[in-house]
Amino acid sequence: MPKLRESVVIGVAPERVWQVVAEDVKNAKRWATNLDKVELLDAGPPGKGTRYRYHIKVPGQTVKVGVEQAVFTKPKKVAGKFIEGPLKGTWSYTFTALKDGTTRLVYDMDYEMGGFLRFAGGLLAGQYAEGFRKNLESLKKFIESGKGPKR
């Protein structure tokens, strides 16, 4: 099963990064460059068991990917599995406080592509990894500029 790992250091505390990444998911399109929209599939605040449907832009179309959160440990880790769409496997965001008050955010994904994506796997895997690098850099700029929820 292919693996993807990307990381970025963001110049704020983990609690702030957590607010944007794990608690304000519906507004992720404000920093995720390949995201059309996110649907919350459950009522109530985000937590273990919460499900989302991401509408991800790929060359020539938009793909729907459903996820379910299996781990929701504030502000350390949010993780889950893919439950709908062409991706199968697991994903996680890990938030690590660094000594200088910044946060190392790591995204890990163990996945396989199904459906039509299976046939373009190698090409799309590289594009997906590049897209995630761009998204994390965009997230860094978004948070460090003071955007996102304020609590």
N, C-alpha and C. Protein backbone atom coordinates (compact mmCIF):
# COMPACT_ATOMS: atom_id res chain seq x y z
N MET A 1 0.86 -1.18 0.00
CA MET A 1 0.00 0.00 0.00
C MET A 1 0.90 1.24 0.00
N PRO A 2 0.71 2.16 -0.95
CA PRO A 2 1.53 3.38 -0.98
C PRO A 2 1.35 4.22 0.29
N LYS A 3 2.40 4.97 0.59
CA LYS A 3 2.37 5.85 1.76
C LYS A 3 2.69 7.27 1.30
N LEU A 4 2.10 8.21 1.99
CA LEU A 4 2.37 9.63 1.76
C LEU A 4 2.66 10.25 3.10
N ARG A 5 3.74 11.01 3.20
CA ARG A 5 4.04 11.73 4.43
C ARG A 5 4.55 13.11 4.05
N GLU A 6 3.89 14.13 4.58
CA GLU A 6 4.30 15.52 4.37
C GLU A 6 4.27 16.23 5.71
N SER A 7 5.17 17.19 5.89
CA SER A 7 5.18 17.93 7.15
C SER A 7 5.54 19.38 6.90
N VAL A 8 5.18 20.21 7.89
CA VAL A 8 5.47 21.63 7.83
C VAL A 8 5.58 22.13 9.27
N VAL A 9 6.43 23.13 9.48
CA VAL A 9 6.51 23.80 10.78
C VAL A 9 5.76 25.12 10.65
N ILE A 10 4.81 25.33 11.56
CA ILE A 10 3.96 26.52 11.54
C ILE A 10 4.26 27.34 12.78
N GLY A 11 4.40 28.64 12.62
CA GLY A 11 4.88 29.53 13.67
C GLY A 11 3.86 29.91 14.73
N VAL A 12 3.04 28.96 15.15
CA VAL A 12 2.08 29.17 16.24
C VAL A 12 1.99 27.88 17.06
N ALA A 13 1.33 27.96 18.21
CA ALA A 13 1.17 26.81 19.10
C ALA A 13 0.24 25.76 18.48
N PRO A 14 0.38 24.49 18.90
CA PRO A 14 -0.48 23.42 18.36
C PRO A 14 -1.97 23.68 18.52
N GLU A 15 -2.38 24.32 19.59
CA GLU A 15 -3.81 24.58 19.80
C GLU A 15 -4.39 25.42 18.66
N ARG A 16 -3.61 26.38 18.18
CA ARG A 16 -4.06 27.25 17.08
C ARG A 16 -4.15 26.47 15.76
N VAL A 17 -3.14 25.64 15.50
CA VAL A 17 -3.15 24.83 14.28
C VAL A 17 -4.32 23.85 14.34
N TRP A 18 -4.55 23.26 15.52
CA TRP A 18 -5.65 22.32 15.71
C TRP A 18 -7.00 22.98 15.38
N GLN A 19 -7.19 24.23 15.84
CA GLN A 19 -8.46 24.94 15.57
C GLN A 19 -8.75 24.97 14.07
N VAL A 20 -7.74 25.26 13.28
CA VAL A 20 -7.94 25.40 11.84
C VAL A 20 -8.08 24.04 11.17
N VAL A 21 -7.21 23.09 11.50
CA VAL A 21 -7.18 21.81 10.80
C VAL A 21 -8.27 20.85 11.26
N ALA A 22 -8.48 20.74 12.58
CA ALA A 22 -9.38 19.71 13.12
C ALA A 22 -10.76 20.21 13.52
N GLU A 23 -10.89 21.51 13.80
CA GLU A 23 -12.18 22.02 14.27
C GLU A 23 -12.91 22.90 13.25
N ASP A 24 -12.20 23.41 12.26
CA ASP A 24 -12.82 24.28 11.26
C ASP A 24 -12.73 23.64 9.87
N VAL A 25 -13.00 22.34 9.82
CA VAL A 25 -12.84 21.55 8.60
C VAL A 25 -13.70 22.09 7.46
N LYS A 26 -14.91 22.53 7.75
CA LYS A 26 -15.80 23.01 6.69
C LYS A 26 -15.21 24.21 5.93
N ASN A 27 -14.26 24.92 6.56
CA ASN A 27 -13.64 26.07 5.90
C ASN A 27 -12.25 25.75 5.36
N ALA A 28 -11.91 24.47 5.25
CA ALA A 28 -10.58 24.08 4.76
C ALA A 28 -10.31 24.60 3.35
N LYS A 29 -11.35 24.83 2.57
CA LYS A 29 -11.11 25.33 1.21
C LYS A 29 -10.48 26.72 1.20
N ARG A 30 -10.50 27.38 2.35
CA ARG A 30 -9.84 28.70 2.43
C ARG A 30 -8.32 28.58 2.34
N TRP A 31 -7.78 27.40 2.65
CA TRP A 31 -6.33 27.20 2.55
C TRP A 31 -5.93 25.99 1.70
N ALA A 32 -6.84 25.06 1.44
CA ALA A 32 -6.52 23.87 0.64
C ALA A 32 -6.75 24.19 -0.83
N THR A 33 -5.70 24.19 -1.60
CA THR A 33 -5.77 24.67 -2.98
C THR A 33 -6.54 23.76 -3.92
N ASN A 34 -6.67 22.47 -3.59
CA ASN A 34 -7.34 21.52 -4.48
C ASN A 34 -8.72 21.10 -3.98
N LEU A 35 -9.28 21.88 -3.08
CA LEU A 35 -10.55 21.51 -2.44
C LEU A 35 -11.66 22.43 -2.93
N ASP A 36 -12.74 21.81 -3.42
CA ASP A 36 -13.90 22.57 -3.86
C ASP A 36 -14.81 22.89 -2.68
N LYS A 37 -15.10 21.86 -1.85
CA LYS A 37 -15.91 22.07 -0.65
C LYS A 37 -15.80 20.85 0.25
N VAL A 38 -16.28 21.03 1.50
CA VAL A 38 -16.33 19.96 2.49
C VAL A 38 -17.74 19.92 3.06
N GLU A 39 -18.31 18.72 3.13
CA GLU A 39 -19.62 18.53 3.75
C GLU A 39 -19.44 17.82 5.09
N LEU A 40 -20.07 18.34 6.12
CA LEU A 40 -20.14 17.66 7.41
C LEU A 40 -21.32 16.71 7.32
N LEU A 41 -21.08 15.41 7.58
CA LEU A 41 -22.13 14.41 7.42
C LEU A 41 -22.85 14.08 8.72
N ASP A 42 -22.42 14.67 9.83
CA ASP A 42 -23.01 14.39 11.14
C ASP A 42 -23.32 15.70 11.86
N ALA A 43 -24.29 15.67 12.76
CA ALA A 43 -24.60 16.84 13.58
C ALA A 43 -23.63 16.90 14.76
N GLY A 44 -23.48 18.09 15.31
CA GLY A 44 -22.67 18.26 16.51
C GLY A 44 -21.24 18.67 16.21
N PRO A 45 -20.49 18.92 17.27
CA PRO A 45 -19.10 19.36 17.10
C PRO A 45 -18.22 18.22 16.60
N PRO A 46 -17.08 18.55 15.98
CA PRO A 46 -16.20 17.49 15.50
C PRO A 46 -15.64 16.66 16.65
N GLY A 47 -15.40 15.39 16.37
CA GLY A 47 -14.85 14.49 17.37
C GLY A 47 -14.69 13.11 16.79
N LYS A 48 -14.42 12.15 17.66
CA LYS A 48 -14.29 10.76 17.23
C LYS A 48 -15.62 10.33 16.61
N GLY A 49 -15.55 9.73 15.42
CA GLY A 49 -16.75 9.29 14.72
C GLY A 49 -17.31 10.28 13.72
N THR A 50 -16.86 11.54 13.76
CA THR A 50 -17.35 12.54 12.81
C THR A 50 -16.95 12.14 11.39
N ARG A 51 -17.89 12.34 10.46
CA ARG A 51 -17.65 12.02 9.06
C ARG A 51 -17.76 13.28 8.20
N TYR A 52 -16.88 13.35 7.20
CA TYR A 52 -16.87 14.46 6.25
C TYR A 52 -16.80 13.90 4.84
N ARG A 53 -17.30 14.67 3.89
CA ARG A 53 -17.13 14.35 2.47
C ARG A 53 -16.38 15.52 1.84
N TYR A 54 -15.20 15.24 1.32
CA TYR A 54 -14.37 16.23 0.65
C TYR A 54 -14.64 16.15 -0.85
N HIS A 55 -14.78 17.31 -1.49
CA HIS A 55 -14.91 17.40 -2.94
C HIS A 55 -13.56 17.93 -3.44
N ILE A 56 -12.73 17.02 -3.96
CA ILE A 56 -11.34 17.33 -4.31
C ILE A 56 -11.22 17.49 -5.82
N LYS A 57 -10.58 18.58 -6.22
CA LYS A 57 -10.37 18.85 -7.63
C LYS A 57 -9.14 18.07 -8.11
N VAL A 58 -9.35 17.23 -9.11
CA VAL A 58 -8.25 16.54 -9.79
C VAL A 58 -8.36 16.90 -11.26
N PRO A 59 -7.31 16.71 -12.05
CA PRO A 59 -7.37 17.12 -13.45
C PRO A 59 -8.62 16.57 -14.16
N GLY A 60 -9.44 17.49 -14.64
CA GLY A 60 -10.60 17.12 -15.43
C GLY A 60 -11.88 16.85 -14.67
N GLN A 61 -11.84 16.82 -13.34
CA GLN A 61 -13.07 16.53 -12.59
C GLN A 61 -12.90 16.80 -11.10
N THR A 62 -14.00 16.60 -10.37
CA THR A 62 -14.01 16.68 -8.91
C THR A 62 -14.35 15.31 -8.37
N VAL A 63 -13.56 14.84 -7.42
CA VAL A 63 -13.74 13.52 -6.81
C VAL A 63 -14.25 13.70 -5.39
N LYS A 64 -15.24 12.90 -5.01
CA LYS A 64 -15.76 12.92 -3.65
C LYS A 64 -15.06 11.85 -2.83
N VAL A 65 -14.53 12.27 -1.67
CA VAL A 65 -13.84 11.35 -0.77
C VAL A 65 -14.43 11.50 0.62
N GLY A 66 -14.97 10.42 1.16
CA GLY A 66 -15.53 10.43 2.51
C GLY A 66 -14.52 9.92 3.51
N VAL A 67 -14.48 10.57 4.68
CA VAL A 67 -13.59 10.14 5.76
C VAL A 67 -14.37 10.05 7.06
N GLU A 68 -13.89 9.20 7.95
CA GLU A 68 -14.43 9.10 9.30
C GLU A 68 -13.28 9.21 10.29
N GLN A 69 -13.45 10.07 11.27
CA GLN A 69 -12.41 10.26 12.28
C GLN A 69 -12.50 9.16 13.33
N ALA A 70 -11.39 8.46 13.55
CA ALA A 70 -11.33 7.40 14.55
C ALA A 70 -10.58 7.85 15.80
N VAL A 71 -9.72 8.88 15.64
CA VAL A 71 -8.93 9.43 16.73
C VAL A 71 -9.14 10.93 16.73
N PHE A 72 -9.40 11.51 17.89
CA PHE A 72 -9.59 12.95 18.02
C PHE A 72 -9.04 13.36 19.38
N THR A 73 -7.72 13.51 19.45
CA THR A 73 -7.03 13.79 20.71
C THR A 73 -6.46 15.21 20.64
N LYS A 74 -7.20 16.16 21.16
CA LYS A 74 -6.85 17.58 21.10
C LYS A 74 -5.67 17.90 22.00
N PRO A 75 -4.71 18.68 21.58
CA PRO A 75 -4.35 19.11 20.23
C PRO A 75 -3.21 18.27 19.68
N LYS A 76 -3.27 16.97 19.80
CA LYS A 76 -2.16 16.08 19.43
C LYS A 76 -2.35 15.36 18.11
N LYS A 77 -3.55 14.76 17.90
CA LYS A 77 -3.72 13.92 16.72
C LYS A 77 -5.19 13.78 16.34
N VAL A 78 -5.44 13.87 15.04
CA VAL A 78 -6.73 13.52 14.46
C VAL A 78 -6.42 12.55 13.33
N ALA A 79 -7.15 11.44 13.32
CA ALA A 79 -6.85 10.39 12.35
C ALA A 79 -8.12 9.61 12.04
N GLY A 80 -8.09 8.91 10.92
CA GLY A 80 -9.25 8.11 10.56
C GLY A 80 -9.01 7.28 9.33
N LYS A 81 -10.13 6.93 8.69
CA LYS A 81 -10.07 6.09 7.51
C LYS A 81 -10.94 6.69 6.41
N PHE A 82 -10.64 6.28 5.18
CA PHE A 82 -11.45 6.67 4.03
C PHE A 82 -12.64 5.73 3.97
N ILE A 83 -13.84 6.28 3.84
CA ILE A 83 -15.05 5.46 3.87
C ILE A 83 -15.88 5.57 2.59
N GLU A 84 -15.50 6.46 1.68
CA GLU A 84 -16.26 6.68 0.45
C GLU A 84 -15.34 7.22 -0.61
N GLY A 85 -15.54 6.79 -1.83
CA GLY A 85 -14.76 7.33 -2.94
C GLY A 85 -13.63 6.42 -3.36
N PRO A 86 -12.74 6.94 -4.21
CA PRO A 86 -11.71 6.11 -4.82
C PRO A 86 -10.50 5.79 -3.94
N LEU A 87 -10.39 6.42 -2.77
CA LEU A 87 -9.26 6.14 -1.89
C LEU A 87 -9.68 5.15 -0.80
N LYS A 88 -8.81 4.19 -0.53
CA LYS A 88 -9.01 3.24 0.55
C LYS A 88 -7.77 3.34 1.45
N GLY A 89 -7.96 3.25 2.76
CA GLY A 89 -6.83 3.29 3.67
C GLY A 89 -7.07 4.22 4.84
N THR A 90 -5.97 4.74 5.39
CA THR A 90 -6.03 5.58 6.59
C THR A 90 -5.25 6.87 6.39
N TRP A 91 -5.55 7.84 7.26
CA TRP A 91 -4.89 9.15 7.22
C TRP A 91 -4.74 9.66 8.65
N SER A 92 -3.81 10.58 8.87
CA SER A 92 -3.67 11.22 10.18
C SER A 92 -2.95 12.55 10.06
N TYR A 93 -3.30 13.46 10.96
CA TYR A 93 -2.55 14.68 11.21
C TYR A 93 -2.02 14.58 12.63
N THR A 94 -0.71 14.78 12.81
CA THR A 94 -0.09 14.77 14.13
C THR A 94 0.49 16.16 14.38
N PHE A 95 0.17 16.71 15.54
CA PHE A 95 0.56 18.07 15.94
C PHE A 95 1.60 17.96 17.06
N THR A 96 2.82 18.46 16.83
CA THR A 96 3.88 18.37 17.83
C THR A 96 4.35 19.76 18.21
N ALA A 97 4.28 20.07 19.51
CA ALA A 97 4.78 21.35 20.01
C ALA A 97 6.30 21.33 20.01
N LEU A 98 6.91 22.34 19.42
CA LEU A 98 8.36 22.47 19.42
C LEU A 98 8.78 23.45 20.51
N LYS A 99 10.04 23.38 20.91
CA LYS A 99 10.52 24.18 22.05
C LYS A 99 10.39 25.68 21.83
N ASP A 100 10.41 26.11 20.57
CA ASP A 100 10.32 27.55 20.30
C ASP A 100 8.88 28.06 20.19
N GLY A 101 7.91 27.22 20.56
CA GLY A 101 6.51 27.64 20.55
C GLY A 101 5.80 27.41 19.23
N THR A 102 6.50 26.83 18.26
CA THR A 102 5.90 26.53 16.97
C THR A 102 5.35 25.10 16.97
N THR A 103 4.76 24.71 15.85
CA THR A 103 4.15 23.39 15.73
C THR A 103 4.67 22.68 14.50
N ARG A 104 5.06 21.41 14.67
CA ARG A 104 5.32 20.56 13.51
C ARG A 104 4.03 19.79 13.23
N LEU A 105 3.47 20.00 12.05
CA LEU A 105 2.28 19.29 11.61
C LEU A 105 2.71 18.25 10.59
N VAL A 106 2.35 16.98 10.85
CA VAL A 106 2.70 15.89 9.95
C VAL A 106 1.41 15.25 9.45
N TYR A 107 1.31 15.09 8.13
CA TYR A 107 0.19 14.38 7.53
C TYR A 107 0.73 13.06 7.01
N ASP A 108 0.11 11.96 7.44
CA ASP A 108 0.45 10.62 6.98
C ASP A 108 -0.76 9.99 6.34
N MET A 109 -0.53 9.25 5.25
CA MET A 109 -1.61 8.55 4.60
C MET A 109 -1.07 7.22 4.06
N ASP A 110 -1.75 6.13 4.41
CA ASP A 110 -1.51 4.82 3.82
C ASP A 110 -2.74 4.55 2.97
N TYR A 111 -2.56 4.35 1.68
CA TYR A 111 -3.72 4.32 0.81
C TYR A 111 -3.51 3.44 -0.41
N GLU A 112 -4.60 3.10 -1.02
CA GLU A 112 -4.59 2.57 -2.37
C GLU A 112 -5.72 3.25 -3.12
N MET A 113 -5.52 3.39 -4.40
CA MET A 113 -6.53 4.05 -5.23
C MET A 113 -7.42 3.00 -5.86
N GLY A 114 -8.71 3.27 -5.87
CA GLY A 114 -9.67 2.38 -6.51
C GLY A 114 -10.36 3.09 -7.65
N GLY A 115 -11.32 2.42 -8.25
CA GLY A 115 -12.09 3.03 -9.32
C GLY A 115 -11.21 3.48 -10.46
N PHE A 116 -11.60 4.55 -11.11
CA PHE A 116 -10.86 5.04 -12.27
C PHE A 116 -9.46 5.51 -11.87
N LEU A 117 -9.27 5.94 -10.61
CA LEU A 117 -7.96 6.41 -10.18
C LEU A 117 -6.93 5.29 -10.17
N ARG A 118 -7.36 4.05 -10.01
CA ARG A 118 -6.45 2.91 -9.96
C ARG A 118 -5.61 2.84 -11.24
N PHE A 119 -6.22 3.18 -12.38
CA PHE A 119 -5.53 3.07 -13.66
C PHE A 119 -4.51 4.18 -13.90
N ALA A 120 -4.68 5.28 -13.20
CA ALA A 120 -3.74 6.40 -13.33
C ALA A 120 -2.93 6.57 -12.05
N GLY A 121 -2.85 5.51 -11.26
CA GLY A 121 -2.26 5.57 -9.92
C GLY A 121 -0.93 6.27 -9.81
N GLY A 122 0.07 5.86 -10.60
CA GLY A 122 1.40 6.45 -10.48
C GLY A 122 1.41 7.94 -10.74
N LEU A 123 0.78 8.34 -11.82
CA LEU A 123 0.72 9.75 -12.17
C LEU A 123 -0.02 10.56 -11.11
N LEU A 124 -1.20 10.08 -10.71
CA LEU A 124 -2.00 10.83 -9.74
C LEU A 124 -1.37 10.81 -8.34
N ALA A 125 -0.66 9.74 -7.98
CA ALA A 125 -0.02 9.70 -6.67
C ALA A 125 0.98 10.84 -6.55
N GLY A 126 1.76 11.07 -7.60
CA GLY A 126 2.71 12.18 -7.58
C GLY A 126 2.02 13.53 -7.50
N GLN A 127 0.94 13.68 -8.24
CA GLN A 127 0.18 14.93 -8.21
C GLN A 127 -0.46 15.14 -6.84
N TYR A 128 -0.95 14.05 -6.25
CA TYR A 128 -1.59 14.14 -4.93
C TYR A 128 -0.57 14.56 -3.88
N ALA A 129 0.63 13.97 -3.92
CA ALA A 129 1.69 14.34 -2.97
C ALA A 129 2.08 15.80 -3.14
N GLU A 130 2.24 16.24 -4.37
CA GLU A 130 2.58 17.63 -4.64
C GLU A 130 1.47 18.56 -4.16
N GLY A 131 0.21 18.15 -4.38
CA GLY A 131 -0.92 18.93 -3.90
C GLY A 131 -0.91 19.06 -2.39
N PHE A 132 -0.55 17.98 -1.70
CA PHE A 132 -0.51 18.06 -0.25
C PHE A 132 0.61 18.96 0.24
N ARG A 133 1.77 18.92 -0.42
CA ARG A 133 2.85 19.85 -0.06
C ARG A 133 2.37 21.29 -0.20
N LYS A 134 1.71 21.58 -1.32
CA LYS A 134 1.20 22.94 -1.55
C LYS A 134 0.15 23.32 -0.51
N ASN A 135 -0.72 22.38 -0.16
CA ASN A 135 -1.75 22.66 0.85
C ASN A 135 -1.14 22.98 2.20
N LEU A 136 -0.11 22.24 2.61
CA LEU A 136 0.51 22.51 3.91
C LEU A 136 1.22 23.85 3.91
N GLU A 137 1.85 24.21 2.80
CA GLU A 137 2.48 25.54 2.72
C GLU A 137 1.42 26.64 2.75
N SER A 138 0.30 26.40 2.07
CA SER A 138 -0.81 27.35 2.08
C SER A 138 -1.40 27.46 3.49
N LEU A 139 -1.55 26.34 4.17
CA LEU A 139 -2.03 26.33 5.55
C LEU A 139 -1.11 27.15 6.45
N LYS A 140 0.19 26.97 6.30
CA LYS A 140 1.18 27.71 7.09
C LYS A 140 0.98 29.22 6.91
N LYS A 141 0.88 29.67 5.65
CA LYS A 141 0.69 31.09 5.37
C LYS A 141 -0.65 31.58 5.93
N PHE A 142 -1.69 30.79 5.78
CA PHE A 142 -3.02 31.13 6.25
C PHE A 142 -3.01 31.37 7.77
N ILE A 143 -2.46 30.42 8.52
CA ILE A 143 -2.45 30.52 9.98
C ILE A 143 -1.52 31.62 10.46
N GLU A 144 -0.32 31.68 9.89
CA GLU A 144 0.65 32.68 10.34
C GLU A 144 0.21 34.10 10.01
N SER A 145 -0.71 34.27 9.06
CA SER A 145 -1.21 35.61 8.75
C SER A 145 -2.39 36.00 9.66
N GLY A 146 -2.76 35.08 10.59
CA GLY A 146 -3.83 35.38 11.54
C GLY A 146 -5.21 35.01 11.08
N LYS A 147 -5.32 34.31 9.96
CA LYS A 147 -6.65 33.93 9.46
C LYS A 147 -7.15 32.69 10.16
N GLY A 148 -8.45 32.42 10.01
CA GLY A 148 -9.06 31.24 10.62
C GLY A 148 -9.84 31.61 11.86
N PRO A 149 -10.42 30.60 12.52
CA PRO A 149 -11.26 30.86 13.69
C PRO A 149 -10.45 31.43 14.85
N LYS A 150 -11.09 32.29 15.62
CA LYS A 150 -10.45 32.88 16.80
C LYS A 150 -11.22 32.42 18.03
N ARG A 151 -10.57 31.75 18.94
CA ARG A 151 -11.26 31.29 20.15
C ARG A 151 -10.48 31.63 21.37
